[in-house]
């Protein structure tokens, strides 16, 4: 009996070590977005290198690159400071629930977006049809404005002409996609239920935010399409977002 208890304990420890190893391996190949890229996540926190897009006050001397991109677009303050965009789940397309989702903006990590006239293609790490939401006043090279009315509330929506074979985004991130179905490694954000088994990384981030019995199944967020030809997706398999401390 004692031997069985020890064996079960050892099995549990091994399982935890495998899970931790999976997360560590994923984190080592850390995904970097674009500076000033705004994104939505179903996780309880914004990944390391990003902050909540809540209108927070930033110091120019500590965030020079970001200030070059944003300037005083989101509010005029002291010359040594600037503001991040202020978004709540209801602000964008006015369809988000009041809980469970969080807007973030890349502030410290990421590619510095060049203007399209520089003829640099920065969308090669994205799949074709992926949508970028940025706080800058231009779409980076390799991206196209999604429509004539792409700008909404100080944000710009851009479409990737990317050539990446598959997604390389954080797990639990929501993104807009131009198409009828979500690309591989992602699920439609349609409120569907999924088994926890086989989806442990995603479940560990969203938990009970969107429903499910939390013992065998969980739900993904339910996001209505904001426009014709667009669909909201949530990343199922990708980089595990590192919490910042």
Protein backbone atom coordinates (compact mmCIF):
# COMPACT_ATOMS: atom_id res chain seq x y z
CA UNK A 1 0.00 0.00 0.00
CA UNK A 2 2.80 2.35 0.94
CA UNK A 3 4.56 1.45 -2.30
CA UNK A 4 1.43 2.29 -4.32
CA UNK A 5 1.10 5.68 -2.62
CA UNK A 6 4.74 6.44 -3.35
CA UNK A 7 4.33 5.37 -6.98
CA UNK A 8 1.28 7.57 -7.43
CA UNK A 9 3.12 10.47 -5.82
CA UNK A 10 6.06 9.99 -8.14
CA UNK A 11 3.72 9.83 -11.12
CA UNK A 12 2.11 13.13 -10.09
CA UNK A 13 5.49 14.82 -9.67
CA UNK A 14 6.60 13.59 -13.10
CA UNK A 15 3.40 14.93 -14.64
CA UNK A 16 3.96 18.35 -13.08
CA UNK A 17 7.56 18.39 -14.26
CA UNK A 18 6.50 17.58 -17.83
CA UNK A 19 3.90 20.35 -17.72
CA UNK A 20 6.45 22.84 -16.35
CA UNK A 21 8.96 21.75 -18.99
CA UNK A 22 6.37 22.37 -21.72
CA UNK A 23 5.70 25.90 -20.48
CA UNK A 24 9.40 26.69 -20.09
CA UNK A 25 10.24 25.45 -23.57
CA UNK A 26 7.45 27.50 -25.07
CA UNK A 27 8.51 30.60 -23.12
CA UNK A 28 12.11 30.34 -24.30
CA UNK A 29 11.01 30.90 -27.92
CA UNK A 30 9.22 34.03 -26.73
CA UNK A 31 6.95 35.64 -29.28
CA UNK A 32 7.56 39.32 -29.85
CA UNK A 33 4.94 41.51 -31.43
CA UNK A 34 5.32 45.05 -32.69
CA UNK A 35 5.88 47.95 -30.34
CA UNK A 36 2.54 49.75 -29.92
CA UNK A 37 0.61 46.66 -31.09
CA UNK A 38 -2.66 46.40 -29.18
CA UNK A 39 -4.12 42.98 -28.53
CA UNK A 40 -6.80 41.20 -26.56
CA UNK A 41 -6.20 38.23 -24.26
CA UNK A 42 -8.37 35.84 -22.32
CA UNK A 43 -5.59 35.34 -19.76
CA UNK A 44 -5.70 37.01 -16.35
CA UNK A 45 -2.64 39.14 -17.12
CA UNK A 46 -0.78 40.89 -19.92
CA UNK A 47 2.42 39.05 -20.98
CA UNK A 48 5.86 40.22 -19.96
CA UNK A 49 6.88 43.17 -22.14
CA UNK A 50 3.35 44.53 -22.40
CA UNK A 51 1.05 46.59 -20.20
CA UNK A 52 -2.70 46.94 -19.84
CA UNK A 53 -4.05 49.43 -22.36
CA UNK A 54 -5.72 51.41 -19.60
CA UNK A 55 -4.52 54.93 -20.25
CA UNK A 56 -1.54 54.54 -17.95
CA UNK A 57 1.04 57.32 -17.64
CA UNK A 58 4.49 56.50 -19.03
CA UNK A 59 7.83 58.29 -18.74
CA UNK A 60 9.48 59.31 -22.00
CA UNK A 61 13.01 58.66 -20.73
CA UNK A 62 12.13 55.05 -19.91
CA UNK A 63 10.07 54.36 -23.03
CA UNK A 64 11.73 56.39 -25.77
CA UNK A 65 10.97 54.03 -28.65
CA UNK A 66 7.31 53.76 -27.71
CA UNK A 67 7.04 57.52 -27.33
CA UNK A 68 8.43 57.99 -30.84
CA UNK A 69 5.49 55.92 -32.09
CA UNK A 70 2.70 57.27 -29.88
CA UNK A 71 3.73 60.80 -28.98
CA UNK A 72 0.80 62.60 -27.36
CA UNK A 73 -1.87 60.86 -29.48
CA UNK A 74 -3.81 59.66 -26.43
CA UNK A 75 -3.71 62.78 -24.31
CA UNK A 76 -1.46 65.75 -23.70
CA UNK A 77 0.46 65.69 -20.45
CA UNK A 78 3.83 66.96 -19.23
CA UNK A 79 6.52 66.96 -21.95
CA UNK A 80 8.41 64.22 -20.07
CA UNK A 81 5.40 61.90 -19.99
CA UNK A 82 2.82 60.37 -22.31
CA UNK A 83 -0.32 58.23 -22.09
CA UNK A 84 -1.15 54.75 -23.37
CA UNK A 85 -4.45 54.22 -25.16
CA UNK A 86 -7.32 53.63 -22.76
CA UNK A 87 -9.44 50.66 -23.70
CA UNK A 88 -12.01 48.68 -21.80
CA UNK A 89 -13.63 45.53 -23.17
CA UNK A 90 -16.66 47.58 -24.27
CA UNK A 91 -14.70 50.22 -26.16
CA UNK A 92 -13.68 48.24 -29.20
CA UNK A 93 -16.61 47.37 -31.47
CA UNK A 94 -18.67 47.68 -28.26
CA UNK A 95 -19.32 43.94 -28.09
CA UNK A 96 -17.09 42.66 -25.32
CA UNK A 97 -18.35 41.46 -21.95
CA UNK A 98 -17.30 43.36 -18.88
CA UNK A 99 -15.18 40.51 -17.52
CA UNK A 100 -12.82 37.87 -18.79
CA UNK A 101 -10.96 39.83 -21.46
CA UNK A 102 -8.06 42.22 -21.20
CA UNK A 103 -6.59 44.74 -23.65
CA UNK A 104 -2.79 44.92 -23.67
CA UNK A 105 -0.18 46.91 -25.60
CA UNK A 106 3.42 45.92 -26.34
CA UNK A 107 5.57 48.53 -24.63
CA UNK A 108 9.00 46.98 -23.98
CA UNK A 109 9.46 44.01 -26.28
CA UNK A 110 8.88 43.74 -29.97
CA UNK A 111 9.78 44.82 -33.46
CA UNK A 112 9.95 48.54 -34.10
CA UNK A 113 7.40 49.05 -36.90
CA UNK A 114 8.75 50.84 -39.97
CA UNK A 115 6.55 52.90 -42.23
CA UNK A 116 5.41 51.24 -45.48
CA UNK A 117 7.36 53.71 -47.61
CA UNK A 118 10.55 52.12 -46.30
CA UNK A 119 9.60 49.05 -48.36
CA UNK A 120 10.39 46.66 -45.55
CA UNK A 121 8.11 43.64 -45.12
CA UNK A 122 7.37 43.10 -41.44
CA UNK A 123 4.46 40.72 -41.98
CA UNK A 124 6.48 37.66 -42.96
CA UNK A 125 6.09 36.28 -39.42
CA UNK A 126 2.29 36.42 -39.67
CA UNK A 127 -0.17 34.27 -41.59
CA UNK A 128 -2.03 35.82 -44.52
CA UNK A 129 -5.32 37.27 -43.38
CA UNK A 130 -4.22 37.98 -39.82
CA UNK A 131 -5.36 41.36 -38.53
CA UNK A 132 -3.11 43.75 -36.61
CA UNK A 133 -4.47 46.43 -34.28
CA UNK A 134 -1.95 49.20 -33.66
CA UNK A 135 -1.83 52.42 -31.67
CA UNK A 136 0.41 54.02 -34.30
CA UNK A 137 -0.93 56.20 -37.09
CA UNK A 138 0.35 53.91 -39.85
CA UNK A 139 0.32 50.23 -40.82
CA UNK A 140 3.81 48.69 -40.72
CA UNK A 141 5.54 47.62 -43.92
CA UNK A 142 3.92 44.49 -45.32
CA UNK A 143 0.53 45.37 -43.81
CA UNK A 144 -2.41 47.04 -45.51
CA UNK A 145 -5.17 49.14 -43.99
CA UNK A 146 -8.16 46.86 -43.73
CA UNK A 147 -10.70 49.37 -45.01
CA UNK A 148 -11.20 53.07 -45.70
CA UNK A 149 -12.71 53.37 -42.21
CA UNK A 150 -10.07 51.25 -40.53
CA UNK A 151 -9.23 53.79 -37.84
CA UNK A 152 -11.44 53.47 -34.77
CA UNK A 153 -10.97 55.37 -31.56
CA UNK A 154 -7.33 56.16 -32.28
CA UNK A 155 -6.51 52.60 -33.35
CA UNK A 156 -5.62 51.42 -36.82
CA UNK A 157 -6.60 48.02 -38.21
CA UNK A 158 -4.21 46.42 -40.67
CA UNK A 159 -4.26 43.19 -42.67
CA UNK A 160 -1.22 40.94 -43.12
CA UNK A 161 0.02 39.82 -46.49
CA UNK A 162 2.08 37.39 -44.45
CA UNK A 163 3.81 34.25 -45.60
CA UNK A 164 4.27 32.42 -42.28
CA UNK A 165 3.16 28.78 -42.53
CA UNK A 166 1.45 28.86 -39.14
CA UNK A 167 0.51 31.11 -36.24
CA UNK A 168 3.14 32.24 -33.77
CA UNK A 169 1.11 34.01 -31.09
CA UNK A 170 0.57 33.66 -27.36
CA UNK A 171 -1.89 31.09 -26.09
CA UNK A 172 -5.23 32.65 -25.06
CA UNK A 173 -4.70 35.65 -27.30
CA UNK A 174 -7.72 36.71 -29.33
CA UNK A 175 -7.14 38.00 -32.82
CA UNK A 176 -9.19 39.03 -35.81
CA UNK A 177 -8.83 36.95 -38.95
CA UNK A 178 -10.06 37.60 -42.46
CA UNK A 179 -11.70 34.36 -43.53
CA UNK A 180 -14.53 31.94 -42.85
CA UNK A 181 -12.59 29.71 -40.45
CA UNK A 182 -9.75 30.28 -38.00
CA UNK A 183 -6.24 29.14 -39.01
CA UNK A 184 -4.47 26.12 -37.53
CA UNK A 185 -3.43 26.37 -33.86
CA UNK A 186 -6.47 28.51 -33.07
CA UNK A 187 -10.16 28.05 -32.31
CA UNK A 188 -13.18 30.13 -33.22
CA UNK A 189 -14.09 32.41 -30.31
CA UNK A 190 -17.70 31.27 -30.44
CA UNK A 191 -18.35 30.19 -26.85
CA UNK A 192 -17.90 26.49 -27.62
CA UNK A 193 -16.96 23.94 -24.96
CA UNK A 194 -13.69 22.00 -25.15
CA UNK A 195 -12.22 19.18 -23.06
CA UNK A 196 -9.61 20.24 -20.53
CA UNK A 197 -7.60 17.13 -21.33
CA UNK A 198 -5.42 17.97 -24.31
CA UNK A 199 -5.97 21.72 -23.81
CA UNK A 200 -4.30 22.17 -20.42
CA UNK A 201 -2.20 25.25 -21.39
CA UNK A 202 -5.22 27.17 -22.71
CA UNK A 203 -7.39 26.10 -19.78
CA UNK A 204 -4.71 27.18 -17.28
CA UNK A 205 -5.01 30.72 -18.67
CA UNK A 206 -8.76 31.17 -19.19
CA UNK A 207 -10.04 28.81 -16.45
CA UNK A 208 -13.68 29.61 -15.62
CA UNK A 209 -13.82 33.03 -17.27
CA UNK A 210 -16.20 31.96 -20.02
CA UNK A 211 -18.04 28.89 -18.68
CA UNK A 212 -17.78 25.11 -18.54
CA UNK A 213 -17.83 22.76 -15.57
CA UNK A 214 -14.11 23.32 -14.86
CA UNK A 215 -13.50 19.64 -14.15
CA UNK A 216 -13.69 18.09 -17.59
CA UNK A 217 -14.50 20.99 -19.92
CA UNK A 218 -14.18 24.74 -20.32
CA UNK A 219 -15.53 27.37 -22.70
CA UNK A 220 -13.78 29.86 -24.96
CA UNK A 221 -15.06 33.44 -25.20
CA UNK A 222 -17.98 34.16 -27.48
CA UNK A 223 -17.17 37.05 -29.82
CA UNK A 224 -19.48 38.12 -32.60
CA UNK A 225 -17.82 39.02 -35.89
CA UNK A 226 -17.30 42.81 -36.01
CA UNK A 227 -17.74 42.98 -39.77
CA UNK A 228 -18.31 41.00 -42.93
CA UNK A 229 -15.52 38.56 -43.73
CA UNK A 230 -13.94 38.76 -40.25
CA UNK A 231 -13.90 36.24 -37.44
CA UNK A 232 -12.56 36.32 -33.89
CA UNK A 233 -10.17 33.48 -33.02
CA UNK A 234 -8.37 32.43 -29.84
CA UNK A 235 -4.91 30.86 -29.90
CA UNK A 236 -4.96 27.24 -28.75
CA UNK A 237 -1.34 26.26 -29.34
CA UNK A 238 1.60 28.66 -29.28
CA UNK A 239 3.89 30.49 -26.90
CA UNK A 240 2.91 30.37 -23.23
CA UNK A 241 2.65 33.99 -22.03
CA UNK A 242 5.17 34.78 -19.31
CA UNK A 243 3.78 36.78 -16.41
CA UNK A 244 5.70 39.94 -15.60
CA UNK A 245 6.71 40.69 -12.01
